[in-house]
Amino acid sequence: MRHFDVEMSNLQNHLLDMAGLVQKMIQAATNELVSRDPNQIDAVLSLEKEVNIQEIVIDDKCLKLIALNQPAGADLRFITSAMRINSDLERMGDESLNIAKMSLDLIKYPEIKPLVNIPKMIGIVQNMIIDCIKSFNTSDSDLAMSVLSKDNEVDALRDAIISELKTVLIKLHDSDTIQRATDLMFIAKSIERLGDHATNVCEDVIFMVHGKDIRHPRA
């Protein structure tokens, strides 16, 4: 096997490892919120450091592969897609940290209402992320397309959560309720952004496989 092929395989493995770290961050952050477990933030903080290191390592590998080998065609699409996926994974980690930090403040107080739509939203987004990583690993553009179709469902749940919380705010005006409702709104937005990053990865997979950029379809 050529040295270039070995390095390309190593790049793919590094991205999969990073995706695994990000998935652990998301799980720890959501466990903190749903189980009201403040100890989970320690795992999120530790994993975030690893993710940030991996982002730098992967970017460096991509740049060296381009500079030393001058790849073209499918190889170049793979490397440029890897760089964009790397960025989206790091941002998923950032959103997980945001969820963990807001949850830490939120769980100090009693629940405004039982969480119903947020766990549903989390479940959909987690499945989106699993499938987007699988589609990258297997170059499965059909699976990537199926993930894109779930984005509207996530957006609808976010809108429902915000609408419910606005109703709560109209009825109750104490400062503690306002803070808890605001935290939940920001958490819902962060979960929605996780889904957005998963769709970005899938768009990159489609570009990687077919050379077709679907990020901004023409009217």
Protein backbone atom coordinates (compact mmCIF):
# COMPACT_ATOMS: atom_id res chain seq x y z
CA MET A 1 0.00 0.00 0.00
CA ARG A 2 1.28 3.49 -0.88
CA HIS A 3 2.32 5.79 1.97
CA PHE A 4 -0.32 8.26 0.78
CA ASP A 5 -3.06 5.63 1.11
CA VAL A 6 -1.88 4.78 4.63
CA GLU A 7 -2.01 8.46 5.59
CA MET A 8 -5.50 8.83 4.11
CA SER A 9 -6.65 5.81 6.13
CA ASN A 10 -5.08 7.30 9.25
CA LEU A 11 -6.92 10.56 8.60
CA GLN A 12 -10.23 8.74 8.37
CA ASN A 13 -9.51 6.88 11.62
CA HIS A 14 -8.61 10.12 13.40
CA LEU A 15 -11.92 11.66 12.34
CA LEU A 16 -13.82 8.60 13.56
CA ASP A 17 -11.99 8.77 16.89
CA MET A 18 -12.86 12.46 17.20
CA ALA A 19 -16.49 11.70 16.39
CA GLY A 20 -16.49 9.12 19.18
CA LEU A 21 -15.22 11.71 21.66
CA VAL A 22 -17.89 14.19 20.56
CA GLN A 23 -20.62 11.56 20.93
CA LYS A 24 -19.42 10.91 24.50
CA MET A 25 -19.57 14.66 25.19
CA ILE A 26 -23.14 14.87 23.92
CA GLN A 27 -24.17 11.86 25.98
CA ALA A 28 -22.60 13.24 29.17
CA ALA A 29 -24.16 16.68 28.64
CA THR A 30 -27.62 15.26 28.03
CA ASN A 31 -27.31 12.88 30.98
CA GLU A 32 -26.52 15.89 33.14
CA LEU A 33 -29.68 17.64 31.94
CA VAL A 34 -32.12 14.73 31.93
CA SER A 35 -30.79 12.89 35.02
CA ARG A 36 -29.98 16.16 36.82
CA ASP A 37 -26.48 14.90 37.55
CA PRO A 38 -23.99 17.79 38.07
CA ASN A 39 -21.00 15.42 38.10
CA GLN A 40 -21.36 14.83 34.35
CA ILE A 41 -19.84 18.21 33.54
CA ASP A 42 -16.41 16.95 34.60
CA ALA A 43 -16.52 14.37 31.80
CA VAL A 44 -17.64 17.03 29.32
CA LEU A 45 -14.78 19.37 30.27
CA SER A 46 -12.20 16.59 30.04
CA LEU A 47 -13.46 15.40 26.67
CA GLU A 48 -13.55 18.95 25.31
CA LYS A 49 -9.80 19.26 25.82
CA GLU A 50 -9.25 16.05 23.84
CA VAL A 51 -11.55 17.21 21.04
CA ASN A 52 -9.70 20.52 20.71
CA ILE A 53 -6.36 18.69 20.47
CA GLN A 54 -7.76 16.31 17.84
CA GLU A 55 -9.08 19.23 15.77
CA ILE A 56 -5.56 20.69 15.51
CA VAL A 57 -3.99 17.30 14.72
CA ILE A 58 -6.52 16.54 11.98
CA ASP A 59 -6.22 19.96 10.36
CA ASP A 60 -2.44 19.55 10.34
CA LYS A 61 -2.73 16.11 8.70
CA CYS A 62 -5.05 17.48 6.02
CA LEU A 63 -2.77 20.38 5.18
CA LYS A 64 0.30 18.14 4.99
CA LEU A 65 -1.51 15.66 2.74
CA ILE A 66 -2.38 18.47 0.34
CA ALA A 67 1.02 20.15 0.45
CA LEU A 68 3.12 16.99 0.07
CA ASN A 69 0.97 15.01 -2.38
CA GLN A 70 -1.00 17.55 -4.41
CA PRO A 71 -4.03 15.24 -4.58
CA ALA A 72 -6.77 15.65 -7.16
CA GLY A 73 -10.26 14.31 -7.83
CA ALA A 74 -11.75 12.02 -5.21
CA ASP A 75 -8.68 12.20 -2.97
CA LEU A 76 -8.83 15.99 -2.83
CA ARG A 77 -12.58 15.92 -2.17
CA PHE A 78 -12.00 13.49 0.70
CA ILE A 79 -9.38 15.73 2.32
CA THR A 80 -11.35 18.97 1.93
CA SER A 81 -14.48 17.23 3.25
CA ALA A 82 -12.45 15.89 6.17
CA MET A 83 -11.39 19.44 7.07
CA ARG A 84 -14.99 20.67 7.06
CA ILE A 85 -16.22 17.64 9.01
CA ASN A 86 -13.43 18.21 11.52
CA SER A 87 -14.68 21.76 12.07
CA ASP A 88 -18.29 20.62 12.48
CA LEU A 89 -17.29 17.96 15.00
CA GLU A 90 -15.40 20.55 17.06
CA ARG A 91 -18.45 22.80 17.01
CA MET A 92 -20.61 19.90 18.16
CA GLY A 93 -18.26 19.65 21.11
CA ASP A 94 -18.71 23.37 21.79
CA GLU A 95 -22.50 23.01 21.75
CA SER A 96 -22.26 20.03 24.11
CA LEU A 97 -20.22 22.16 26.51
CA ASN A 98 -22.84 24.93 26.25
CA ILE A 99 -25.57 22.43 27.14
CA ALA A 100 -23.55 21.13 30.09
CA LYS A 101 -22.89 24.62 31.46
CA MET A 102 -26.51 25.74 31.15
CA SER A 103 -27.72 22.44 32.63
CA LEU A 104 -25.44 22.91 35.63
CA ASP A 105 -27.22 26.19 36.39
CA LEU A 106 -30.67 24.82 35.54
CA ILE A 107 -30.60 21.73 37.78
CA LYS A 108 -29.95 23.81 40.89
CA TYR A 109 -33.67 24.58 40.88
CA PRO A 110 -36.86 22.48 40.65
CA GLU A 111 -38.13 21.67 37.16
CA ILE A 112 -40.55 24.13 35.59
CA LYS A 113 -42.28 21.16 34.00
CA PRO A 114 -41.28 17.59 33.16
CA LEU A 115 -38.97 17.41 30.15
CA VAL A 116 -40.83 15.81 27.24
CA ASN A 117 -39.87 17.39 23.93
CA ILE A 118 -36.22 18.00 24.83
CA PRO A 119 -35.46 14.26 25.35
CA LYS A 120 -37.29 13.54 22.05
CA MET A 121 -35.18 16.17 20.32
CA ILE A 122 -31.99 14.78 21.84
CA GLY A 123 -32.88 11.26 20.68
CA ILE A 124 -33.43 12.36 17.08
CA VAL A 125 -30.22 14.40 17.01
CA GLN A 126 -28.15 11.58 18.50
CA ASN A 127 -29.42 9.23 15.78
CA MET A 128 -28.64 11.86 13.15
CA ILE A 129 -25.07 12.08 14.42
CA ILE A 130 -24.64 8.29 14.51
CA ASP A 131 -25.87 8.05 10.91
CA CYS A 132 -23.84 10.99 9.63
CA ILE A 133 -20.64 9.44 10.99
CA LYS A 134 -21.59 6.05 9.56
CA SER A 135 -22.28 7.64 6.17
CA PHE A 136 -18.81 9.21 6.22
CA ASN A 137 -17.12 5.97 7.26
CA THR A 138 -18.86 3.94 4.56
CA SER A 139 -19.19 6.67 1.89
CA ASP A 140 -22.95 6.04 1.95
CA SER A 141 -24.57 9.06 0.30
CA ASP A 142 -28.07 7.54 0.57
CA LEU A 143 -27.72 7.35 4.35
CA ALA A 144 -26.43 10.92 4.35
CA MET A 145 -29.52 12.06 2.42
CA SER A 146 -31.79 10.31 4.93
CA VAL A 147 -30.23 12.33 7.75
CA LEU A 148 -30.98 15.61 5.97
CA SER A 149 -34.69 14.76 6.00
CA LYS A 150 -34.74 14.69 9.83
CA ASP A 151 -33.65 18.31 10.24
CA ASN A 152 -37.19 19.68 9.89
CA GLU A 153 -38.39 17.39 12.68
CA VAL A 154 -35.70 18.76 15.00
CA ASP A 155 -36.63 22.34 14.08
CA ALA A 156 -40.32 21.64 14.79
CA LEU A 157 -39.51 20.29 18.26
CA ARG A 158 -37.32 23.32 18.99
CA ASP A 159 -40.20 25.62 18.03
CA ALA A 160 -42.63 23.63 20.21
CA ILE A 161 -40.28 23.86 23.21
CA ILE A 162 -39.84 27.62 22.83
CA SER A 163 -43.60 28.10 22.42
CA GLU A 164 -44.29 26.12 25.62
CA LEU A 165 -41.72 28.10 27.55
CA LYS A 166 -43.12 31.42 26.34
CA THR A 167 -46.51 30.32 27.71
CA VAL A 168 -44.87 29.58 31.07
CA LEU A 169 -43.23 33.02 31.09
CA ILE A 170 -46.56 34.74 30.44
CA LYS A 171 -48.11 32.99 33.45
CA LEU A 172 -45.17 33.34 35.83
CA HIS A 173 -42.97 36.38 36.27
CA ASP A 174 -40.55 35.51 39.08
CA SER A 175 -36.86 35.80 38.31
CA ASP A 176 -36.06 32.14 38.98
CA THR A 177 -38.68 30.98 36.46
CA ILE A 178 -37.43 33.45 33.87
CA GLN A 179 -33.86 32.16 34.28
CA ARG A 180 -34.87 28.49 34.04
CA ALA A 181 -37.06 29.10 30.99
CA THR A 182 -34.28 31.07 29.31
CA ASP A 183 -31.76 28.29 30.02
CA LEU A 184 -34.11 25.70 28.49
CA MET A 185 -34.60 27.86 25.39
CA PHE A 186 -30.85 28.14 24.88
CA ILE A 187 -30.43 24.40 25.48
CA ALA A 188 -33.08 23.66 22.83
CA LYS A 189 -31.23 25.95 20.43
CA SER A 190 -27.92 24.19 21.14
CA ILE A 191 -29.50 20.79 20.51
CA GLU A 192 -30.92 22.11 17.23
CA ARG A 193 -27.44 23.31 16.26
CA LEU A 194 -26.08 19.81 16.89
CA GLY A 195 -28.56 18.63 14.28
CA ASP A 196 -27.43 21.39 11.92
CA HIS A 197 -23.82 20.25 12.23
CA ALA A 198 -24.88 16.66 11.54
CA THR A 199 -26.57 17.82 8.32
CA ASN A 200 -23.40 19.73 7.41
CA VAL A 201 -21.40 16.52 7.73
CA CYS A 202 -23.88 14.72 5.49
CA GLU A 203 -23.66 17.45 2.87
CA ASP A 204 -19.88 17.00 2.94
CA VAL A 205 -20.28 13.24 2.51
CA ILE A 206 -22.43 13.81 -0.58
CA PHE A 207 -19.80 16.18 -1.95
CA MET A 208 -17.05 13.67 -1.13
CA VAL A 209 -18.83 10.80 -2.91
CA HIS A 210 -20.41 12.58 -5.88
CA GLY A 211 -18.54 15.88 -6.19
CA LYS A 212 -21.90 17.64 -5.84
CA ASP A 213 -22.26 20.65 -3.52
CA ILE A 214 -25.82 20.73 -2.15
CA ARG A 215 -25.26 23.27 0.62
CA HIS A 216 -26.94 26.13 -1.27
CA PRO A 217 -29.29 24.66 -3.87
CA ARG A 218 -30.29 26.96 -6.69
CA ALA A 219 -33.90 28.10 -6.85
